[in-house]
Amino acid sequence: MEDREDRVGTVISDNASSNDSSFMNFYGDLDAAMSLADVRARRMGCYGHILNLFARAFLCGEDSEAFEAESQVFDLGRWEDVL
């Protein structure tokens, strides 16, 4: 495992809190002295996921149900397959 320790720098993932425990286990196998702060410093959020969260917050605000209802009225769901 020592040869892998120097090769793994950053892991890209979504923002799920369960990833902290997964990465603690993963990095713990590589370096047992690594703390939770070290693991979080090596974790990078997926740009597409962050952009999606931003866009939903911008479009929906705090009322995502209203946005979903509006999407159904204008049949915006049909574009999901294209995008």
PDB file of N, CA and C in Angstrom:
ATOM      1  N   MET A   1       0.809  -1.204   0.000  1.00  0.00           N
ATOM      2  CA  MET A   1       0.000   0.000   0.000  1.00  0.00           C
ATOM      3  C   MET A   1       0.852   1.268   0.000  1.00  0.00           C
ATOM      4  N   GLU A   2       2.105   1.170   0.377  1.00  0.00           N
ATOM      5  CA  GLU A   2       2.920   2.376   0.463  1.00  0.00           C
ATOM      6  C   GLU A   2       3.069   3.070  -0.881  1.00  0.00           C
ATOM      7  N   ASP A   3       3.139   2.300  -1.957  1.00  0.00           N
ATOM      8  CA  ASP A   3       3.285   2.926  -3.265  1.00  0.00           C
ATOM      9  C   ASP A   3       2.024   3.678  -3.675  1.00  0.00           C
ATOM     10  N   ARG A   4       0.875   3.271  -3.179  1.00  0.00           N
ATOM     11  CA  ARG A   4      -0.383   3.949  -3.506  1.00  0.00           C
ATOM     12  C   ARG A   4      -0.582   5.224  -2.692  1.00  0.00           C
ATOM     13  N   GLU A   5      -0.025   5.262  -1.512  1.00  0.00           N
ATOM     14  CA  GLU A   5      -0.208   6.415  -0.630  1.00  0.00           C
ATOM     15  C   GLU A   5       0.240   7.710  -1.291  1.00  0.00           C
ATOM     16  N   ASP A   6       1.326   7.668  -2.020  1.00  0.00           N
ATOM     17  CA  ASP A   6       1.838   8.870  -2.670  1.00  0.00           C
ATOM     18  C   ASP A   6       1.091   9.201  -3.955  1.00  0.00           C
ATOM     19  N   ARG A   7       0.317   8.281  -4.472  1.00  0.00           N
ATOM     20  CA  ARG A   7      -0.381   8.497  -5.738  1.00  0.00           C
ATOM     21  C   ARG A   7      -1.785   9.065  -5.563  1.00  0.00           C
ATOM     22  N   VAL A   8      -2.399   8.857  -4.411  1.00  0.00           N
ATOM     23  CA  VAL A   8      -3.761   9.337  -4.177  1.00  0.00           C
ATOM     24  C   VAL A   8      -3.685  10.710  -3.534  1.00  0.00           C
ATOM     25  N   GLY A   9      -4.203  11.716  -4.235  1.00  0.00           N
ATOM     26  CA  GLY A   9      -4.186  13.063  -3.688  1.00  0.00           C
ATOM     27  C   GLY A   9      -5.564  13.521  -3.277  1.00  0.00           C
ATOM     28  N   THR A  10      -6.457  13.613  -4.236  1.00  0.00           N
ATOM     29  CA  THR A  10      -7.789  14.147  -4.005  1.00  0.00           C
ATOM     30  C   THR A  10      -8.826  13.189  -4.560  1.00  0.00           C
ATOM     31  N   VAL A  11      -9.945  13.080  -3.857  1.00  0.00           N
ATOM     32  CA  VAL A  11     -11.059  12.264  -4.321  1.00  0.00           C
ATOM     33  C   VAL A  11     -12.208  13.200  -4.661  1.00  0.00           C
ATOM     34  N   ILE A  12     -12.801  13.012  -5.831  1.00  0.00           N
ATOM     35  CA  ILE A  12     -13.932  13.829  -6.262  1.00  0.00           C
ATOM     36  C   ILE A  12     -15.214  13.072  -5.961  1.00  0.00           C
ATOM     37  N   SER A  13     -16.153  13.739  -5.277  1.00  0.00           N
ATOM     38  CA  SER A  13     -17.414  13.096  -4.916  1.00  0.00           C
ATOM     39  C   SER A  13     -18.502  14.144  -4.766  1.00  0.00           C
ATOM     40  N   ASP A  14     -19.726  13.678  -4.533  1.00  0.00           N
ATOM     41  CA  ASP A  14     -20.805  14.617  -4.263  1.00  0.00           C
ATOM     42  C   ASP A  14     -20.712  15.058  -2.799  1.00  0.00           C
ATOM     43  N   ASN A  15     -21.696  15.797  -2.335  1.00  0.00           N
ATOM     44  CA  ASN A  15     -21.624  16.384  -1.001  1.00  0.00           C
ATOM     45  C   ASN A  15     -22.293  15.546   0.080  1.00  0.00           C
ATOM     46  N   ALA A  16     -22.566  14.285  -0.178  1.00  0.00           N
ATOM     47  CA  ALA A  16     -23.213  13.429   0.816  1.00  0.00           C
ATOM     48  C   ALA A  16     -22.320  13.290   2.046  1.00  0.00           C
ATOM     49  N   SER A  17     -22.927  13.445   3.223  1.00  0.00           N
ATOM     50  CA  SER A  17     -22.145  13.366   4.458  1.00  0.00           C
ATOM     51  C   SER A  17     -21.614  11.958   4.699  1.00  0.00           C
ATOM     52  N   SER A  18     -22.249  10.951   4.118  1.00  0.00           N
ATOM     53  CA  SER A  18     -21.764   9.578   4.288  1.00  0.00           C
ATOM     54  C   SER A  18     -20.396   9.380   3.640  1.00  0.00           C
ATOM     55  N   ASN A  19     -20.025  10.253   2.734  1.00  0.00           N
ATOM     56  CA  ASN A  19     -18.715  10.134   2.094  1.00  0.00           C
ATOM     57  C   ASN A  19     -17.579  10.386   3.076  1.00  0.00           C
ATOM     58  N   ASP A  20     -17.813  11.185   4.114  1.00  0.00           N
ATOM     59  CA  ASP A  20     -16.764  11.418   5.113  1.00  0.00           C
ATOM     60  C   ASP A  20     -16.321  10.104   5.744  1.00  0.00           C
ATOM     61  N   SER A  21     -17.285   9.276   6.148  1.00  0.00           N
ATOM     62  CA  SER A  21     -16.910   8.006   6.778  1.00  0.00           C
ATOM     63  C   SER A  21     -16.289   7.050   5.762  1.00  0.00           C
ATOM     64  N   SER A  22     -16.776   7.083   4.533  1.00  0.00           N
ATOM     65  CA  SER A  22     -16.186   6.233   3.488  1.00  0.00           C
ATOM     66  C   SER A  22     -14.734   6.618   3.236  1.00  0.00           C
ATOM     67  N   PHE A  23     -14.484   7.917   3.150  1.00  0.00           N
ATOM     68  CA  PHE A  23     -13.127   8.375   2.874  1.00  0.00           C
ATOM     69  C   PHE A  23     -12.214   8.208   4.080  1.00  0.00           C
ATOM     70  N   MET A  24     -12.776   8.292   5.291  1.00  0.00           N
ATOM     71  CA  MET A  24     -11.962   8.015   6.484  1.00  0.00           C
ATOM     72  C   MET A  24     -11.463   6.573   6.431  1.00  0.00           C
ATOM     73  N   ASN A  25     -12.334   5.671   6.025  1.00  0.00           N
ATOM     74  CA  ASN A  25     -11.942   4.271   5.902  1.00  0.00           C
ATOM     75  C   ASN A  25     -10.915   4.093   4.783  1.00  0.00           C
ATOM     76  N   PHE A  26     -11.181   4.722   3.643  1.00  0.00           N
ATOM     77  CA  PHE A  26     -10.283   4.618   2.492  1.00  0.00           C
ATOM     78  C   PHE A  26      -8.900   5.176   2.813  1.00  0.00           C
ATOM     79  N   TYR A  27      -8.860   6.418   3.305  1.00  0.00           N
ATOM     80  CA  TYR A  27      -7.568   7.032   3.607  1.00  0.00           C
ATOM     81  C   TYR A  27      -6.914   6.403   4.838  1.00  0.00           C
ATOM     82  N   GLY A  28      -7.741   5.888   5.754  1.00  0.00           N
ATOM     83  CA  GLY A  28      -7.191   5.207   6.925  1.00  0.00           C
ATOM     84  C   GLY A  28      -6.374   3.986   6.550  1.00  0.00           C
ATOM     85  N   ASP A  29      -6.797   3.303   5.481  1.00  0.00           N
ATOM     86  CA  ASP A  29      -6.019   2.164   4.993  1.00  0.00           C
ATOM     87  C   ASP A  29      -4.684   2.615   4.406  1.00  0.00           C
ATOM     88  N   LEU A  30      -4.656   3.811   3.855  1.00  0.00           N
ATOM     89  CA  LEU A  30      -3.419   4.329   3.273  1.00  0.00           C
ATOM     90  C   LEU A  30      -2.497   4.932   4.319  1.00  0.00           C
ATOM     91  N   ASP A  31      -3.097   5.681   5.262  1.00  0.00           N
ATOM     92  CA  ASP A  31      -2.308   6.362   6.293  1.00  0.00           C
ATOM     93  C   ASP A  31      -3.151   6.442   7.559  1.00  0.00           C
ATOM     94  N   ALA A  32      -2.854   5.618   8.539  1.00  0.00           N
ATOM     95  CA  ALA A  32      -3.650   5.535   9.765  1.00  0.00           C
ATOM     96  C   ALA A  32      -3.615   6.826  10.580  1.00  0.00           C
ATOM     97  N   ALA A  33      -2.615   7.663  10.384  1.00  0.00           N
ATOM     98  CA  ALA A  33      -2.486   8.898  11.155  1.00  0.00           C
ATOM     99  C   ALA A  33      -3.330  10.039  10.589  1.00  0.00           C
ATOM    100  N   MET A  34      -4.010   9.817   9.480  1.00  0.00           N
ATOM    101  CA  MET A  34      -4.772  10.883   8.833  1.00  0.00           C
ATOM    102  C   MET A  34      -6.038  11.198   9.641  1.00  0.00           C
ATOM    103  N   SER A  35      -6.262  12.484   9.933  1.00  0.00           N
ATOM    104  CA  SER A  35      -7.428  12.912  10.705  1.00  0.00           C
ATOM    105  C   SER A  35      -8.594  13.242   9.772  1.00  0.00           C
ATOM    106  N   LEU A  36      -9.767  13.483  10.360  1.00  0.00           N
ATOM    107  CA  LEU A  36     -10.945  13.846   9.571  1.00  0.00           C
ATOM    108  C   LEU A  36     -10.705  15.152   8.819  1.00  0.00           C
ATOM    109  N   ALA A  37     -10.008  16.096   9.440  1.00  0.00           N
ATOM    110  CA  ALA A  37      -9.688  17.361   8.766  1.00  0.00           C
ATOM    111  C   ALA A  37      -8.790  17.120   7.553  1.00  0.00           C
ATOM    112  N   ASP A  38      -7.848  16.192   7.682  1.00  0.00           N
ATOM    113  CA  ASP A  38      -6.980  15.849   6.545  1.00  0.00           C
ATOM    114  C   ASP A  38      -7.784  15.225   5.409  1.00  0.00           C
ATOM    115  N   VAL A  39      -8.713  14.353   5.779  1.00  0.00           N
ATOM    116  CA  VAL A  39      -9.551  13.695   4.770  1.00  0.00           C
ATOM    117  C   VAL A  39     -10.418  14.724   4.057  1.00  0.00           C
ATOM    118  N   ARG A  40     -11.026  15.627   4.802  1.00  0.00           N
ATOM    119  CA  ARG A  40     -11.878  16.658   4.185  1.00  0.00           C
ATOM    120  C   ARG A  40     -11.069  17.583   3.287  1.00  0.00           C
ATOM    121  N   ALA A  41      -9.817  17.815   3.632  1.00  0.00           N
ATOM    122  CA  ALA A  41      -8.962  18.660   2.796  1.00  0.00           C
ATOM    123  C   ALA A  41      -8.637  17.981   1.471  1.00  0.00           C
ATOM    124  N   ARG A  42      -8.691  16.660   1.443  1.00  0.00           N
ATOM    125  CA  ARG A  42      -8.396  15.907   0.217  1.00  0.00           C
ATOM    126  C   ARG A  42      -9.653  15.568  -0.576  1.00  0.00           C
ATOM    127  N   ARG A  43     -10.782  16.045  -0.146  1.00  0.00           N
ATOM    128  CA  ARG A  43     -12.049  15.753  -0.819  1.00  0.00           C
ATOM    129  C   ARG A  43     -12.474  16.963  -1.638  1.00  0.00           C
ATOM    130  N   MET A  44     -12.790  16.729  -2.890  1.00  0.00           N
ATOM    131  CA  MET A  44     -13.201  17.813  -3.780  1.00  0.00           C
ATOM    132  C   MET A  44     -14.607  17.507  -4.293  1.00  0.00           C
ATOM    133  N   GLY A  45     -15.483  18.490  -4.201  1.00  0.00           N
ATOM    134  CA  GLY A  45     -16.838  18.297  -4.689  1.00  0.00           C
ATOM    135  C   GLY A  45     -16.880  18.235  -6.205  1.00  0.00           C
ATOM    136  N   CYS A  46     -17.754  17.407  -6.726  1.00  0.00           N
ATOM    137  CA  CYS A  46     -17.923  17.286  -8.173  1.00  0.00           C
ATOM    138  C   CYS A  46     -18.487  18.600  -8.711  1.00  0.00           C
ATOM    139  N   TYR A  47     -17.821  19.176  -9.702  1.00  0.00           N
ATOM    140  CA  TYR A  47     -18.237  20.472 -10.238  1.00  0.00           C
ATOM    141  C   TYR A  47     -19.661  20.418 -10.778  1.00  0.00           C
ATOM    142  N   GLY A  48     -19.993  19.354 -11.480  1.00  0.00           N
ATOM    143  CA  GLY A  48     -21.345  19.217 -12.028  1.00  0.00           C
ATOM    144  C   GLY A  48     -22.395  19.175 -10.938  1.00  0.00           C
ATOM    145  N   HIS A  49     -22.101  18.489  -9.833  1.00  0.00           N
ATOM    146  CA  HIS A  49     -23.046  18.406  -8.721  1.00  0.00           C
ATOM    147  C   HIS A  49     -23.199  19.763  -8.037  1.00  0.00           C
ATOM    148  N   ILE A  50     -22.097  20.449  -7.834  1.00  0.00           N
ATOM    149  CA  ILE A  50     -22.147  21.770  -7.207  1.00  0.00           C
ATOM    150  C   ILE A  50     -22.909  22.749  -8.093  1.00  0.00           C
ATOM    151  N   LEU A  51     -22.665  22.702  -9.399  1.00  0.00           N
ATOM    152  CA  LEU A  51     -23.374  23.565 -10.336  1.00  0.00           C
ATOM    153  C   LEU A  51     -24.867  23.259 -10.333  1.00  0.00           C
ATOM    154  N   ASN A  52     -25.222  21.984 -10.273  1.00  0.00           N
ATOM    155  CA  ASN A  52     -26.625  21.590 -10.212  1.00  0.00           C
ATOM    156  C   ASN A  52     -27.282  22.125  -8.943  1.00  0.00           C
ATOM    157  N   LEU A  53     -26.618  22.001  -7.802  1.00  0.00           N
ATOM    158  CA  LEU A  53     -27.163  22.527  -6.550  1.00  0.00           C
ATOM    159  C   LEU A  53     -27.353  24.037  -6.624  1.00  0.00           C
ATOM    160  N   PHE A  54     -26.377  24.730  -7.198  1.00  0.00           N
ATOM    161  CA  PHE A  54     -26.474  26.181  -7.341  1.00  0.00           C
ATOM    162  C   PHE A  54     -27.651  26.557  -8.241  1.00  0.00           C
ATOM    163  N   ALA A  55     -27.775  25.876  -9.383  1.00  0.00           N
ATOM    164  CA  ALA A  55     -28.849  26.189 -10.329  1.00  0.00           C
ATOM    165  C   ALA A  55     -30.214  25.941  -9.709  1.00  0.00           C
ATOM    166  N   ARG A  56     -30.365  24.842  -8.974  1.00  0.00           N
ATOM    167  CA  ARG A  56     -31.649  24.563  -8.316  1.00  0.00           C
ATOM    168  C   ARG A  56     -31.969  25.624  -7.265  1.00  0.00           C
ATOM    169  N   ALA A  57     -30.962  26.035  -6.505  1.00  0.00           N
ATOM    170  CA  ALA A  57     -31.191  27.069  -5.495  1.00  0.00           C
ATOM    171  C   ALA A  57     -31.558  28.392  -6.155  1.00  0.00           C
ATOM    172  N   PHE A  58     -30.909  28.707  -7.270  1.00  0.00           N
ATOM    173  CA  PHE A  58     -31.193  29.946  -7.985  1.00  0.00           C
ATOM    174  C   PHE A  58     -32.600  29.926  -8.579  1.00  0.00           C
ATOM    175  N   LEU A  59     -32.973  28.813  -9.205  1.00  0.00           N
ATOM    176  CA  LEU A  59     -34.276  28.715  -9.858  1.00  0.00           C
ATOM    177  C   LEU A  59     -35.417  28.499  -8.877  1.00  0.00           C
ATOM    178  N   CYS A  60     -35.189  27.681  -7.865  1.00  0.00           N
ATOM    179  CA  CYS A  60     -36.268  27.279  -6.964  1.00  0.00           C
ATOM    180  C   CYS A  60     -36.345  28.128  -5.710  1.00  0.00           C
ATOM    181  N   GLY A  61     -35.241  28.654  -5.288  1.00  0.00           N
ATOM    182  CA  GLY A  61     -35.219  29.313  -3.991  1.00  0.00           C
ATOM    183  C   GLY A  61     -35.467  28.270  -2.916  1.00  0.00           C
ATOM    184  N   GLU A  62     -36.348  28.577  -1.999  1.00  0.00           N
ATOM    185  CA  GLU A  62     -36.662  27.635  -0.931  1.00  0.00           C
ATOM    186  C   GLU A  62     -37.888  26.789  -1.254  1.00  0.00           C
ATOM    187  N   ASP A  63     -38.533  27.043  -2.392  1.00  0.00           N
ATOM    188  CA  ASP A  63     -39.775  26.353  -2.728  1.00  0.00           C
ATOM    189  C   ASP A  63     -39.584  25.481  -3.966  1.00  0.00           C
ATOM    190  N   SER A  64     -38.936  24.338  -3.787  1.00  0.00           N
ATOM    191  CA  SER A  64     -38.658  23.468  -4.932  1.00  0.00           C
ATOM    192  C   SER A  64     -39.920  22.829  -5.495  1.00  0.00           C
ATOM    193  N   GLU A  65     -40.961  22.648  -4.660  1.00  0.00           N
ATOM    194  CA  GLU A  65     -42.205  22.060  -5.159  1.00  0.00           C
ATOM    195  C   GLU A  65     -42.858  22.974  -6.188  1.00  0.00           C
ATOM    196  N   ALA A  66     -42.799  24.276  -5.973  1.00  0.00           N
ATOM    197  CA  ALA A  66     -43.381  25.220  -6.936  1.00  0.00           C
ATOM    198  C   ALA A  66     -42.632  25.155  -8.260  1.00  0.00           C
ATOM    199  N   PHE A  67     -41.321  25.009  -8.205  1.00  0.00           N
ATOM    200  CA  PHE A  67     -40.543  24.899  -9.439  1.00  0.00           C
ATOM    201  C   PHE A  67     -40.890  23.620 -10.189  1.00  0.00           C
ATOM    202  N   GLU A  68     -41.024  22.510  -9.470  1.00  0.00           N
ATOM    203  CA  GLU A  68     -41.382  21.243 -10.107  1.00  0.00           C
ATOM    204  C   GLU A  68     -42.769  21.334 -10.734  1.00  0.00           C
ATOM    205  N   ALA A  69     -43.725  21.968 -10.054  1.00  0.00           N
ATOM    206  CA  ALA A  69     -45.073  22.125 -10.607  1.00  0.00           C
ATOM    207  C   ALA A  69     -45.035  22.985 -11.865  1.00  0.00           C
ATOM    208  N   GLU A  70     -44.262  24.051 -11.842  1.00  0.00           N
ATOM    209  CA  GLU A  70     -44.117  24.925 -13.010  1.00  0.00           C
ATOM    210  C   GLU A  70     -43.471  24.172 -14.172  1.00  0.00           C
ATOM    211  N   SER A  71     -42.507  23.318 -13.861  1.00  0.00           N
ATOM    212  CA  SER A  71     -41.846  22.522 -14.896  1.00  0.00           C
ATOM    213  C   SER A  71     -42.834  21.594 -15.582  1.00  0.00           C
ATOM    214  N   GLN A  72     -43.753  21.028 -14.814  1.00  0.00           N
ATOM    215  CA  GLN A  72     -44.740  20.117 -15.391  1.00  0.00           C
ATOM    216  C   GLN A  72     -45.744  20.867 -16.254  1.00  0.00           C
ATOM    217  N   VAL A  73     -46.098  22.074 -15.864  1.00  0.00           N
ATOM    218  CA  VAL A  73     -47.039  22.870 -16.651  1.00  0.00           C
ATOM    219  C   VAL A  73     -46.457  23.159 -18.028  1.00  0.00           C
ATOM    220  N   PHE A  74     -45.180  23.508 -18.083  1.00  0.00           N
ATOM    221  CA  PHE A  74     -44.537  23.851 -19.352  1.00  0.00           C
ATOM    222  C   PHE A  74     -43.828  22.656 -19.994  1.00  0.00           C
ATOM    223  N   ASP A  75     -44.020  21.461 -19.442  1.00  0.00           N
ATOM    224  CA  ASP A  75     -43.443  20.223 -19.970  1.00  0.00           C
ATOM    225  C   ASP A  75     -41.923  20.325 -20.123  1.00  0.00           C
ATOM    226  N   LEU A  76     -41.266  20.860 -19.097  1.00  0.00           N
ATOM    227  CA  LEU A  76     -39.812  20.992 -19.136  1.00  0.00           C
ATOM    228  C   LEU A  76     -39.112  19.661 -18.908  1.00  0.00           C
ATOM    229  N   GLY A  77     -39.837  18.673 -18.404  1.00  0.00           N
ATOM    230  CA  GLY A  77     -39.244  17.369 -18.151  1.00  0.00           C
ATOM    231  C   GLY A  77     -38.760  16.684 -19.409  1.00  0.00           C
ATOM    232  N   ARG A  78     -39.350  17.022 -20.553  1.00  0.00           N
ATOM    233  CA  ARG A  78     -38.946  16.369 -21.803  1.00  0.00           C
ATOM    234  C   ARG A  78     -37.508  16.698 -22.171  1.00  0.00           C
ATOM    235  N   TRP A  79     -36.962  17.780 -21.643  1.00  0.00           N
ATOM    236  CA  TRP A  79     -35.585  18.167 -21.953  1.00  0.00           C
ATOM    237  C   TRP A  79     -34.568  17.412 -21.115  1.00  0.00           C
ATOM    238  N   GLU A  80     -35.016  16.720 -20.071  1.00  0.00           N
ATOM    239  CA  GLU A  80     -34.075  15.987 -19.219  1.00  0.00           C
ATOM    240  C   GLU A  80     -33.321  14.930 -20.011  1.00  0.00           C
ATOM    241  N   ASP A  81     -34.003  14.262 -20.951  1.00  0.00           N
ATOM    242  CA  ASP A  81     -33.339  13.231 -21.748  1.00  0.00           C
ATOM    243  C   ASP A  81     -32.331  13.839 -22.712  1.00  0.00           C
ATOM    244  N   VAL A  82     -32.609  15.032 -23.198  1.00  0.00           N
ATOM    245  CA  VAL A  82     -31.717  15.693 -24.149  1.00  0.00           C
ATOM    246  C   VAL A  82     -30.474  16.207 -23.442  1.00  0.00           C
ATOM    247  N   LEU A  83     -30.676  16.776 -22.268  1.00  0.00           N
ATOM    248  CA  LEU A  83     -29.559  17.350 -21.531  1.00  0.00           C
ATOM    249  C   LEU A  83     -28.795  16.250 -20.851  1.00  0.00           C
TER     250      LEU A  83
END
